Amino acid sequence: MRNVLALTLAGVFAFSVSAVSNAAESLSHSDLLKKVRDKERIQEQVNNQRVQTFQRQKNRQADLLADAKAKLAAEEAKSERLKATFDENEKQLTQIAEDLRIKQGNLGELFGVVRQAANSLSGDIASSLVSAQYPGRSALLNKLIEAEELPKMDDLRGFYVLMLQELSEQGNTASFAADVVNEEGRTETQTVERIGTFNLLSGKDYLFFEKGQIKTLQVQPSAEVRGLASEYESATSGYAGLYIDPTKGGILQLEKLKMSLPDRLWKFKGFAGSTVMILLAIGILIALERLFTLYMVTGPKVASQKKSSTPGNNPLGRVMKVYLANKDEDVENLELKLDEAVLKETPKIERGINLIKVIAALGPLLGLLGTVVGMIEVFQSITLHGTGDPRLMADGISQALVTTVWGLLAAIPLTFLHAVVAGKSKSIIHVLEEQSTGLMAQHDENNA
């Protein structure tokens, strides 16, 4: 108690000295002494209260300790009772679970079979075209898959009905109104025709079902396939033909990846294909020029010259001019002159025909060259990367064969044009030879 009071007096004294030092000029010594004594008296009262409080609590410590020990004993006894109850409940739960397992018997296996079947059928139902007509069919399957207890009879009956519905709808066609996402990405209501579980049609357009939405194919099948679809839509009775997709949309999805023959020819023509295209254009131009000249100019003029005795500006007219200029010569000289005139007209008539033939022969050779080069590149790719992706190898071979197609496309029309032009030129030359022989015969008759 003295130590506490001493420390308190020291603190008060320090405070008083500080206060006196800060306000020495404004206070007198008597006032300062009064304030210090007042503070000491207040502090002494506080200390006395603290001592009295400590004495009262010291007298109650024994009672508090005894009370705490009693409560501890009560809680320990309660803990023991609860532990015994917990152990007894654990034994009962184990016994109940064993009884449940015995009573369930084959029902546990049934639960596993149902979950497995629901899990296996879930993907098929989600992608089935029947779900396009009857949405929300996957909810029951998801409930059975996620269930942690035996399914109820209503759920089992619904599962059974769902499987029967899928089986029965595979052989039925149905028409229903549904929202369809068109090529532009906009949703519009259309009348959809479902062909079993194979195809969805809207008019002559084929649709596909993906992630709960009905969408229009970006690339439609050929005109023949769509024509049959249109006929089927317009049929009101009897039977109508229709192409179906047995893969339930897989083949139709591949249509957007398939390139048409003109697109493939243009994309993979390469150097050899470009060369063949240039030669084909040159050959066709030459053939067209020859056809026009022989059929529209030379041929008609020669035909009209045969009916006239006055020589004109055409191959037969020029042969007749040679005859008229040398008709007084003997037979041998006249024959040589006429043969010379016919031979002089022959190159003009046959001009460009051999070039058409050469271009027609070069086309397949250049195409074969491009194919061989392409195959070499394919085998080089196989050597470097292996045959892990057969589609890549097949695509390379397809590109290599495109040049052969270009060669054949050039050879076939040019061979035909060459035959037509050569036939016409030979017919004109035959007319010249025939007329020159006739002129010789006329000359012999006149000199006889």
Protein backbone atom coordinates (compact mmCIF):
# COMPACT_ATOMS: atom_id res chain seq x y z
CA MET A 1 0.00 0.00 0.00
CA ARG A 2 2.85 2.36 0.73
CA ASN A 3 4.47 1.59 -2.63
CA VAL A 4 1.29 2.38 -4.42
CA LEU A 5 0.86 5.60 -2.56
CA ALA A 6 4.50 6.52 -3.08
CA LEU A 7 4.25 5.99 -6.82
CA THR A 8 1.07 7.97 -6.88
CA LEU A 9 2.56 10.85 -4.96
CA ALA A 10 5.59 10.78 -7.26
CA GLY A 11 3.34 10.95 -10.29
CA VAL A 12 1.30 13.73 -8.84
CA PHE A 13 4.42 15.57 -7.86
CA ALA A 14 5.84 15.24 -11.39
CA PHE A 15 2.61 16.46 -12.83
CA SER A 16 2.47 19.32 -10.38
CA VAL A 17 6.00 20.36 -11.11
CA SER A 18 5.28 20.28 -14.87
CA ALA A 19 2.14 22.29 -14.39
CA VAL A 20 3.97 24.80 -12.20
CA SER A 21 6.75 25.14 -14.75
CA ASN A 22 4.25 25.77 -17.54
CA ALA A 23 2.11 28.28 -15.60
CA ALA A 24 4.46 29.72 -12.98
CA GLU A 25 3.84 33.25 -14.05
CA SER A 26 0.01 33.04 -13.73
CA LEU A 27 -0.39 31.24 -10.35
CA SER A 28 0.74 32.09 -6.82
CA HIS A 29 2.45 29.66 -4.48
CA SER A 30 -0.60 29.29 -2.22
CA ASP A 31 -2.88 28.39 -5.13
CA LEU A 32 -0.41 25.87 -6.45
CA LEU A 33 -0.13 24.20 -3.01
CA LYS A 34 -3.91 23.98 -2.74
CA LYS A 35 -4.29 22.30 -6.12
CA VAL A 36 -1.60 19.74 -5.32
CA ARG A 37 -3.26 18.80 -2.00
CA ASP A 38 -6.67 18.48 -3.70
CA LYS A 39 -5.24 16.10 -6.25
CA GLU A 40 -3.54 14.04 -3.56
CA ARG A 41 -6.81 13.71 -1.67
CA ILE A 42 -8.70 12.55 -4.79
CA GLN A 43 -6.02 10.03 -5.66
CA GLU A 44 -6.03 8.66 -2.12
CA GLN A 45 -9.81 8.07 -2.33
CA VAL A 46 -9.40 6.17 -5.62
CA ASN A 47 -6.67 3.99 -4.14
CA ASN A 48 -8.80 3.20 -1.10
CA GLN A 49 -11.67 2.06 -3.35
CA ARG A 50 -9.32 -0.22 -5.27
CA VAL A 51 -8.01 -1.79 -2.04
CA GLN A 52 -11.58 -2.42 -0.78
CA THR A 53 -12.62 -4.03 -4.12
CA PHE A 54 -9.58 -6.32 -4.01
CA GLN A 55 -10.38 -7.39 -0.46
CA ARG A 56 -14.00 -8.27 -1.34
CA GLN A 57 -12.95 -10.36 -4.41
CA LYS A 58 -10.29 -12.17 -2.40
CA ASN A 59 -12.95 -13.36 0.01
CA ARG A 60 -15.08 -14.77 -2.92
CA GLN A 61 -12.26 -16.56 -4.80
CA ALA A 62 -12.77 -19.79 -2.91
CA ASP A 63 -16.49 -19.76 -3.70
CA LEU A 64 -15.82 -19.07 -7.41
CA LEU A 65 -13.29 -21.90 -7.59
CA ALA A 66 -15.67 -24.35 -6.00
CA ASP A 67 -18.46 -23.29 -8.39
CA ALA A 68 -16.17 -23.72 -11.45
CA LYS A 69 -15.13 -27.21 -10.30
CA ALA A 70 -18.76 -28.21 -9.88
CA LYS A 71 -19.65 -27.02 -13.36
CA LEU A 72 -16.64 -28.88 -14.82
CA ALA A 73 -17.72 -32.11 -13.17
CA ALA A 74 -21.28 -31.67 -14.50
CA GLU A 75 -20.05 -31.06 -18.06
CA GLU A 76 -17.75 -34.08 -17.93
CA ALA A 77 -20.63 -36.26 -16.80
CA LYS A 78 -22.81 -34.87 -19.60
CA SER A 79 -20.01 -35.57 -22.13
CA GLU A 80 -19.79 -39.17 -20.99
CA ARG A 81 -23.56 -39.59 -21.38
CA LEU A 82 -23.51 -38.05 -24.87
CA LYS A 83 -20.57 -40.26 -25.92
CA ALA A 84 -22.41 -43.33 -24.77
CA THR A 85 -25.52 -42.22 -26.65
CA PHE A 86 -23.47 -41.54 -29.81
CA ASP A 87 -21.87 -44.97 -29.71
CA GLU A 88 -25.26 -46.59 -29.24
CA ASN A 89 -26.67 -44.62 -32.21
CA GLU A 90 -23.71 -45.68 -34.35
CA LYS A 91 -24.43 -49.32 -33.59
CA GLN A 92 -28.10 -48.84 -34.40
CA LEU A 93 -27.32 -47.06 -37.70
CA THR A 94 -24.96 -49.86 -38.71
CA GLN A 95 -27.62 -52.44 -37.91
CA ILE A 96 -30.30 -50.46 -39.76
CA ALA A 97 -28.04 -50.07 -42.85
CA GLU A 98 -27.36 -53.83 -42.84
CA ASP A 99 -31.08 -54.57 -42.50
CA LEU A 100 -31.80 -52.18 -45.37
CA ARG A 101 -29.19 -53.84 -47.58
CA ILE A 102 -30.66 -57.27 -46.86
CA LYS A 103 -34.23 -56.12 -47.49
CA GLN A 104 -33.29 -54.29 -50.69
CA GLY A 105 -31.74 -57.40 -52.18
CA ASN A 106 -31.80 -57.06 -55.99
CA LEU A 107 -33.17 -53.54 -55.77
CA GLY A 108 -29.63 -52.24 -55.29
CA GLU A 109 -28.57 -53.87 -58.54
CA LEU A 110 -31.69 -52.45 -60.16
CA PHE A 111 -30.68 -48.96 -59.03
CA GLY A 112 -27.26 -49.40 -60.63
CA VAL A 113 -28.76 -50.71 -63.85
CA VAL A 114 -31.21 -47.82 -64.01
CA ARG A 115 -28.47 -45.23 -63.49
CA GLN A 116 -26.27 -46.88 -66.09
CA ALA A 117 -29.10 -47.11 -68.62
CA ALA A 118 -30.12 -43.50 -67.98
CA ASN A 119 -26.53 -42.34 -68.39
CA SER A 120 -26.18 -44.29 -71.65
CA LEU A 121 -29.48 -43.01 -73.03
CA SER A 122 -28.96 -39.41 -71.97
CA GLY A 123 -26.69 -38.49 -74.89
CA ASP A 124 -28.93 -40.18 -77.45
CA ILE A 125 -32.05 -38.45 -76.13
CA ALA A 126 -30.35 -35.05 -76.04
CA SER A 127 -29.33 -35.31 -79.72
CA SER A 128 -32.40 -37.20 -80.93
CA LEU A 129 -34.59 -35.46 -83.48
CA VAL A 130 -37.60 -36.52 -81.41
CA SER A 131 -36.39 -34.08 -78.74
CA ALA A 132 -36.75 -31.30 -81.30
CA GLN A 133 -40.47 -32.01 -81.27
CA TYR A 134 -40.70 -32.84 -77.55
CA PRO A 135 -38.17 -30.67 -75.69
CA GLY A 136 -37.24 -31.22 -72.04
CA ARG A 137 -37.08 -35.02 -72.21
CA SER A 138 -33.61 -35.10 -70.64
CA ALA A 139 -34.83 -33.80 -67.26
CA LEU A 140 -35.99 -37.23 -66.07
CA LEU A 141 -32.74 -38.87 -67.16
CA ASN A 142 -30.66 -36.26 -65.33
CA LYS A 143 -32.75 -36.85 -62.20
CA LEU A 144 -32.11 -40.59 -62.35
CA ILE A 145 -28.39 -40.11 -62.99
CA GLU A 146 -27.90 -37.70 -60.08
CA ALA A 147 -30.14 -39.57 -57.61
CA GLU A 148 -28.49 -41.03 -54.50
CA GLU A 149 -31.45 -43.16 -53.45
CA LEU A 150 -33.69 -45.75 -55.01
CA PRO A 151 -35.84 -44.29 -57.81
CA LYS A 152 -39.56 -44.05 -57.28
CA MET A 153 -42.04 -46.06 -59.28
CA ASP A 154 -43.21 -42.95 -61.13
CA ASP A 155 -39.65 -42.26 -62.24
CA LEU A 156 -39.14 -45.86 -63.38
CA ARG A 157 -42.43 -45.79 -65.26
CA GLY A 158 -41.48 -42.48 -66.90
CA PHE A 159 -38.12 -43.93 -67.91
CA TYR A 160 -39.86 -46.90 -69.48
CA VAL A 161 -42.31 -44.66 -71.36
CA LEU A 162 -39.42 -42.49 -72.57
CA MET A 163 -37.64 -45.47 -74.11
CA LEU A 164 -40.85 -46.70 -75.74
CA GLN A 165 -41.49 -43.23 -77.15
CA GLU A 166 -38.02 -43.10 -78.69
CA LEU A 167 -38.49 -46.54 -80.26
CA SER A 168 -41.96 -45.82 -81.64
CA GLU A 169 -41.08 -42.37 -83.03
CA GLN A 170 -38.21 -43.82 -85.08
CA GLY A 171 -40.73 -45.24 -87.51
CA ASN A 172 -43.08 -42.26 -87.61
CA THR A 173 -43.17 -38.97 -89.45
CA ALA A 174 -44.59 -35.86 -87.83
CA SER A 175 -45.20 -32.23 -88.69
CA PHE A 176 -44.93 -29.54 -86.01
CA ALA A 177 -44.26 -25.82 -85.62
CA ALA A 178 -40.91 -24.89 -84.11
CA ASP A 179 -38.42 -22.03 -83.91
CA VAL A 180 -35.71 -22.43 -86.57
CA VAL A 181 -32.43 -20.50 -86.74
CA ASN A 182 -31.90 -19.57 -90.40
CA GLU A 183 -28.65 -19.00 -92.30
CA GLU A 184 -28.48 -15.38 -91.11
CA GLY A 185 -28.72 -16.39 -87.44
CA ARG A 186 -32.27 -15.11 -86.98
CA THR A 187 -34.96 -17.22 -85.30
CA GLU A 188 -38.26 -17.66 -87.07
CA THR A 189 -41.20 -20.03 -86.63
CA GLN A 190 -41.49 -22.63 -89.39
CA THR A 191 -43.40 -25.83 -90.06
CA VAL A 192 -40.91 -28.66 -89.58
CA GLU A 193 -41.32 -32.18 -90.93
CA ARG A 194 -39.59 -34.90 -88.91
CA ILE A 195 -38.70 -38.11 -90.77
CA GLY A 196 -38.31 -40.63 -87.96
CA THR A 197 -35.02 -39.91 -86.23
CA PHE A 198 -33.16 -39.30 -89.49
CA ASN A 199 -34.01 -35.92 -90.98
CA LEU A 200 -35.72 -32.60 -90.32
CA LEU A 201 -37.19 -30.75 -93.31
CA SER A 202 -38.70 -27.34 -93.86
CA GLY A 203 -39.95 -27.08 -97.40
CA LYS A 204 -37.06 -28.31 -99.53
CA ASP A 205 -34.42 -27.27 -96.99
CA TYR A 206 -32.72 -29.76 -94.70
CA LEU A 207 -32.37 -28.83 -91.01
CA PHE A 208 -30.27 -30.20 -88.16
CA PHE A 209 -30.78 -30.34 -84.38
CA GLU A 210 -27.92 -29.20 -82.15
CA LYS A 211 -27.79 -28.19 -78.47
CA GLY A 212 -31.56 -27.90 -78.21
CA GLN A 213 -31.91 -25.68 -81.31
CA ILE A 214 -33.15 -26.42 -84.83
CA LYS A 215 -30.90 -24.80 -87.41
CA THR A 216 -30.83 -24.57 -91.20
CA LEU A 217 -27.89 -26.22 -92.93
CA GLN A 218 -25.43 -23.61 -94.18
CA VAL A 219 -24.65 -25.77 -97.23
CA GLN A 220 -27.65 -27.66 -98.59
CA PRO A 221 -27.37 -30.99 -100.47
CA SER A 222 -27.51 -31.25 -104.26
CA ALA A 223 -30.47 -30.06 -106.30
CA GLU A 224 -31.57 -33.66 -106.89
CA VAL A 225 -31.79 -34.34 -103.14
CA ARG A 226 -33.64 -31.09 -102.45
CA GLY A 227 -35.97 -31.75 -105.39
CA LEU A 228 -37.07 -35.05 -103.87
CA ALA A 229 -37.55 -33.29 -100.52
CA SER A 230 -39.81 -30.73 -102.19
CA GLU A 231 -41.82 -33.49 -103.88
CA TYR A 232 -42.19 -35.27 -100.55
CA GLU A 233 -43.44 -32.08 -98.89
CA SER A 234 -46.03 -31.54 -101.61
CA ALA A 235 -47.28 -35.15 -101.63
CA THR A 236 -50.67 -35.61 -99.98
CA SER A 237 -51.17 -39.37 -100.33
CA GLY A 238 -49.42 -42.53 -101.39
CA TYR A 239 -45.65 -42.87 -101.26
CA ALA A 240 -42.91 -40.37 -102.09
CA GLY A 241 -39.17 -40.82 -102.40
CA LEU A 242 -36.81 -39.04 -100.04
CA TYR A 243 -33.13 -39.15 -99.19
CA ILE A 244 -32.51 -39.79 -95.50
CA ASP A 245 -29.37 -39.52 -93.41
CA PRO A 246 -28.84 -42.80 -91.50
CA THR A 247 -26.24 -41.10 -89.30
CA LYS A 248 -28.95 -38.72 -87.99
CA GLY A 249 -27.32 -35.59 -89.40
CA GLY A 250 -23.66 -36.57 -89.58
CA ILE A 251 -23.54 -36.88 -93.38
CA LEU A 252 -25.48 -33.65 -93.85
CA GLN A 253 -23.02 -31.84 -91.57
CA LEU A 254 -20.19 -33.01 -93.82
CA GLU A 255 -21.83 -31.27 -96.80
CA LYS A 256 -20.46 -27.92 -95.65
CA LEU A 257 -16.93 -29.36 -95.69
CA LYS A 258 -17.27 -30.97 -99.11
CA MET A 259 -16.02 -28.95 -102.07
CA SER A 260 -17.67 -29.10 -105.46
CA LEU A 261 -15.62 -30.29 -108.42
CA PRO A 262 -15.34 -26.81 -110.01
CA ASP A 263 -14.20 -25.31 -106.69
CA ARG A 264 -11.66 -28.08 -106.17
CA LEU A 265 -10.36 -27.77 -109.73
CA TRP A 266 -9.92 -24.04 -109.38
CA LYS A 267 -8.36 -24.16 -105.91
CA PHE A 268 -5.81 -26.93 -106.54
CA LYS A 269 -4.95 -26.34 -110.20
CA GLY A 270 -1.27 -25.61 -109.48
CA PHE A 271 1.32 -24.74 -112.12
CA ALA A 272 0.55 -27.73 -114.34
CA GLY A 273 -3.18 -27.05 -114.16
CA SER A 274 -2.68 -23.37 -115.01
CA THR A 275 -0.53 -24.32 -118.00
CA VAL A 276 -3.15 -26.78 -119.23
CA MET A 277 -5.83 -24.07 -118.87
CA ILE A 278 -3.79 -21.68 -121.02
CA LEU A 279 -3.20 -24.35 -123.66
CA LEU A 280 -6.89 -25.27 -123.59
CA ALA A 281 -7.87 -21.65 -124.19
CA ILE A 282 -5.38 -21.38 -127.08
CA GLY A 283 -6.58 -24.64 -128.62
CA ILE A 284 -10.25 -23.64 -128.39
CA LEU A 285 -9.55 -20.26 -129.99
CA ILE A 286 -7.68 -21.89 -132.85
CA ALA A 287 -10.42 -24.48 -133.30
CA LEU A 288 -13.16 -21.84 -133.29
CA GLU A 289 -11.27 -19.77 -135.85
CA ARG A 290 -10.83 -22.82 -138.09
CA LEU A 291 -14.46 -23.83 -137.71
CA PHE A 292 -15.64 -20.36 -138.61
CA THR A 293 -13.30 -20.16 -141.60
CA LEU A 294 -14.05 -23.61 -142.98
CA TYR A 295 -17.81 -23.70 -142.34
CA MET A 296 -18.77 -20.06 -142.79
CA VAL A 297 -16.24 -18.75 -145.36
CA THR A 298 -14.25 -21.32 -147.31
CA GLY A 299 -16.82 -24.13 -147.39
CA PRO A 300 -19.76 -22.06 -148.72
CA LYS A 301 -17.53 -20.32 -151.29
CA VAL A 302 -16.19 -23.64 -152.61
CA ALA A 303 -19.73 -25.05 -152.75
CA SER A 304 -20.99 -22.05 -154.74
CA GLN A 305 -17.90 -22.16 -157.00
CA LYS A 306 -18.79 -25.70 -158.05
CA LYS A 307 -21.97 -24.31 -159.60
CA SER A 308 -20.23 -21.46 -161.44
CA SER A 309 -17.76 -21.51 -164.33
CA THR A 310 -16.37 -18.08 -163.45
CA PRO A 311 -13.39 -18.38 -161.07
CA GLY A 312 -13.76 -16.52 -157.77
CA ASN A 313 -11.50 -15.68 -154.83
CA ASN A 314 -11.63 -19.08 -153.12
CA PRO A 315 -9.50 -22.25 -153.21
CA LEU A 316 -11.52 -23.88 -156.02
CA GLY A 317 -11.68 -20.62 -157.97
CA ARG A 318 -7.90 -20.31 -157.81
CA VAL A 319 -7.51 -23.89 -159.05
CA MET A 320 -9.87 -23.07 -161.93
CA LYS A 321 -7.78 -19.98 -162.73
CA VAL A 322 -4.71 -22.20 -163.03
CA TYR A 323 -6.66 -24.47 -165.37
CA LEU A 324 -7.82 -21.59 -167.54
CA ALA A 325 -4.31 -20.13 -167.65
CA ASN A 326 -2.79 -23.46 -168.78
CA LYS A 327 -5.58 -25.17 -170.71
CA ASP A 328 -3.54 -25.06 -173.90
CA GLU A 329 -0.75 -27.09 -172.30
CA ASP A 330 -0.44 -30.80 -172.82
CA VAL A 331 -2.07 -33.19 -170.37
CA GLU A 332 1.06 -33.94 -168.36
CA ASN A 333 1.95 -30.29 -167.77
CA LEU A 334 -1.64 -29.33 -167.00
CA GLU A 335 -1.94 -32.15 -164.48
CA LEU A 336 1.23 -30.99 -162.74
CA LYS A 337 -0.03 -27.41 -162.70
CA LEU A 338 -3.37 -28.44 -161.17
CA ASP A 339 -1.69 -30.68 -158.58
CA GLU A 340 0.58 -27.80 -157.69
CA ALA A 341 -2.42 -25.48 -157.26
CA VAL A 342 -4.20 -27.98 -155.01
CA LEU A 343 -1.06 -28.48 -152.92
CA LYS A 344 -0.71 -24.71 -152.61
CA GLU A 345 -4.25 -24.42 -151.19
CA THR A 346 -3.89 -27.37 -148.82
CA PRO A 347 -1.69 -25.62 -146.14
CA LYS A 348 -4.13 -22.73 -145.97
CA ILE A 349 -7.03 -25.09 -145.40
CA GLU A 350 -5.18 -27.26 -142.85
CA ARG A 351 -3.59 -24.34 -141.00
CA GLY A 352 -3.68 -24.80 -137.20
CA ILE A 353 -5.19 -28.28 -137.28
CA ASN A 354 -1.99 -30.03 -136.27
CA LEU A 355 -1.48 -27.50 -133.46
CA ILE A 356 -4.90 -28.43 -132.06
CA LYS A 357 -3.85 -32.05 -132.15
CA VAL A 358 -0.57 -31.31 -130.37
CA ILE A 359 -2.31 -29.30 -127.61
CA ALA A 360 -4.83 -32.11 -127.15
CA ALA A 361 -1.92 -34.53 -126.67
CA LEU A 362 0.02 -32.22 -124.34
CA GLY A 363 -2.90 -31.71 -121.92
CA PRO A 364 -2.92 -35.21 -120.37
CA LEU A 365 0.89 -35.29 -120.31
CA LEU A 366 1.07 -32.05 -118.35
CA GLY A 367 -1.70 -33.28 -116.08
CA LEU A 368 0.19 -36.50 -115.46
CA LEU A 369 3.32 -34.47 -114.71
CA GLY A 370 1.45 -32.45 -112.10
CA THR A 371 0.03 -35.63 -110.57
CA VAL A 372 3.46 -37.23 -110.30
CA VAL A 373 4.89 -34.10 -108.67
CA GLY A 374 1.95 -33.98 -106.26
CA MET A 375 2.39 -37.64 -105.31
CA ILE A 376 6.07 -37.03 -104.64
CA GLU A 377 5.09 -34.23 -102.24
CA VAL A 378 2.54 -36.51 -100.53
CA PHE A 379 5.09 -39.27 -99.96
CA GLN A 380 7.60 -36.72 -98.73
CA SER A 381 5.02 -35.51 -96.20
CA ILE A 382 4.41 -39.12 -95.12
CA THR A 383 8.16 -39.59 -94.66
CA LEU A 384 8.41 -36.50 -92.45
CA HIS A 385 5.18 -36.71 -90.45
CA GLY A 386 4.03 -40.31 -90.78
CA THR A 387 0.53 -41.54 -91.56
CA GLY A 388 -1.14 -40.42 -88.35
CA ASP A 389 -3.86 -38.49 -90.20
CA PRO A 390 -5.22 -40.42 -93.24
CA ARG A 391 -7.41 -37.45 -94.19
CA LEU A 392 -4.34 -35.30 -94.76
CA MET A 393 -2.84 -37.93 -97.04
CA ALA A 394 -6.12 -38.39 -98.92
CA ASP A 395 -6.43 -34.63 -99.40
CA GLY A 396 -2.88 -34.47 -100.81
CA ILE A 397 -3.61 -37.29 -103.26
CA SER A 398 -6.83 -35.55 -104.28
CA GLN A 399 -4.91 -32.35 -105.00
CA ALA A 400 -2.37 -34.29 -107.04
CA LEU A 401 -5.09 -35.88 -109.18
CA VAL A 402 -6.67 -32.51 -109.96
CA THR A 403 -4.00 -31.78 -112.58
CA THR A 404 -4.86 -35.04 -114.34
CA VAL A 405 -8.48 -33.92 -114.46
CA TRP A 406 -7.37 -30.63 -116.01
CA GLY A 407 -5.39 -32.55 -118.63
CA LEU A 408 -8.39 -34.70 -119.52
CA LEU A 409 -10.68 -31.67 -119.58
CA ALA A 410 -8.35 -30.12 -122.13
CA ALA A 411 -7.83 -33.27 -124.21
CA ILE A 412 -11.45 -34.36 -124.59
CA PRO A 413 -12.93 -31.19 -126.18
CA LEU A 414 -9.80 -30.47 -128.21
CA THR A 415 -9.73 -34.01 -129.62
CA PHE A 416 -13.36 -33.63 -130.65
CA LEU A 417 -12.74 -30.21 -132.19
CA HIS A 418 -9.68 -31.53 -134.00
CA ALA A 419 -11.74 -34.35 -135.51
CA VAL A 420 -14.44 -31.92 -136.69
CA VAL A 421 -11.99 -29.39 -138.15
CA ALA A 422 -9.82 -32.08 -139.77
CA GLY A 423 -12.88 -33.73 -141.32
CA LYS A 424 -14.09 -30.46 -142.79
CA SER A 425 -10.66 -29.56 -144.16
CA LYS A 426 -10.31 -32.99 -145.74
CA SER A 427 -13.73 -32.66 -147.36
CA ILE A 428 -12.72 -29.32 -148.91
CA ILE A 429 -9.39 -30.74 -150.14
CA HIS A 430 -11.29 -33.72 -151.55
CA VAL A 431 -13.52 -31.29 -153.47
CA LEU A 432 -10.44 -29.54 -154.88
CA GLU A 433 -8.90 -32.84 -155.98
CA GLU A 434 -12.20 -34.02 -157.41
CA GLN A 435 -12.71 -30.80 -159.35
CA SER A 436 -9.13 -30.79 -160.63
CA THR A 437 -9.61 -34.34 -161.87
CA GLY A 438 -12.84 -33.28 -163.55
CA LEU A 439 -11.06 -30.40 -165.25
CA MET A 440 -8.44 -32.82 -166.57
CA ALA A 441 -11.15 -35.08 -167.92
CA GLN A 442 -12.84 -32.10 -169.58
CA HIS A 443 -9.49 -31.12 -171.10
CA ASP A 444 -9.04 -34.59 -172.57
CA GLU A 445 -12.51 -34.52 -174.09
CA ASN A 446 -11.91 -31.11 -175.65
CA ASN A 447 -8.59 -32.23 -177.21
CA ALA A 448 -9.92 -35.58 -178.47
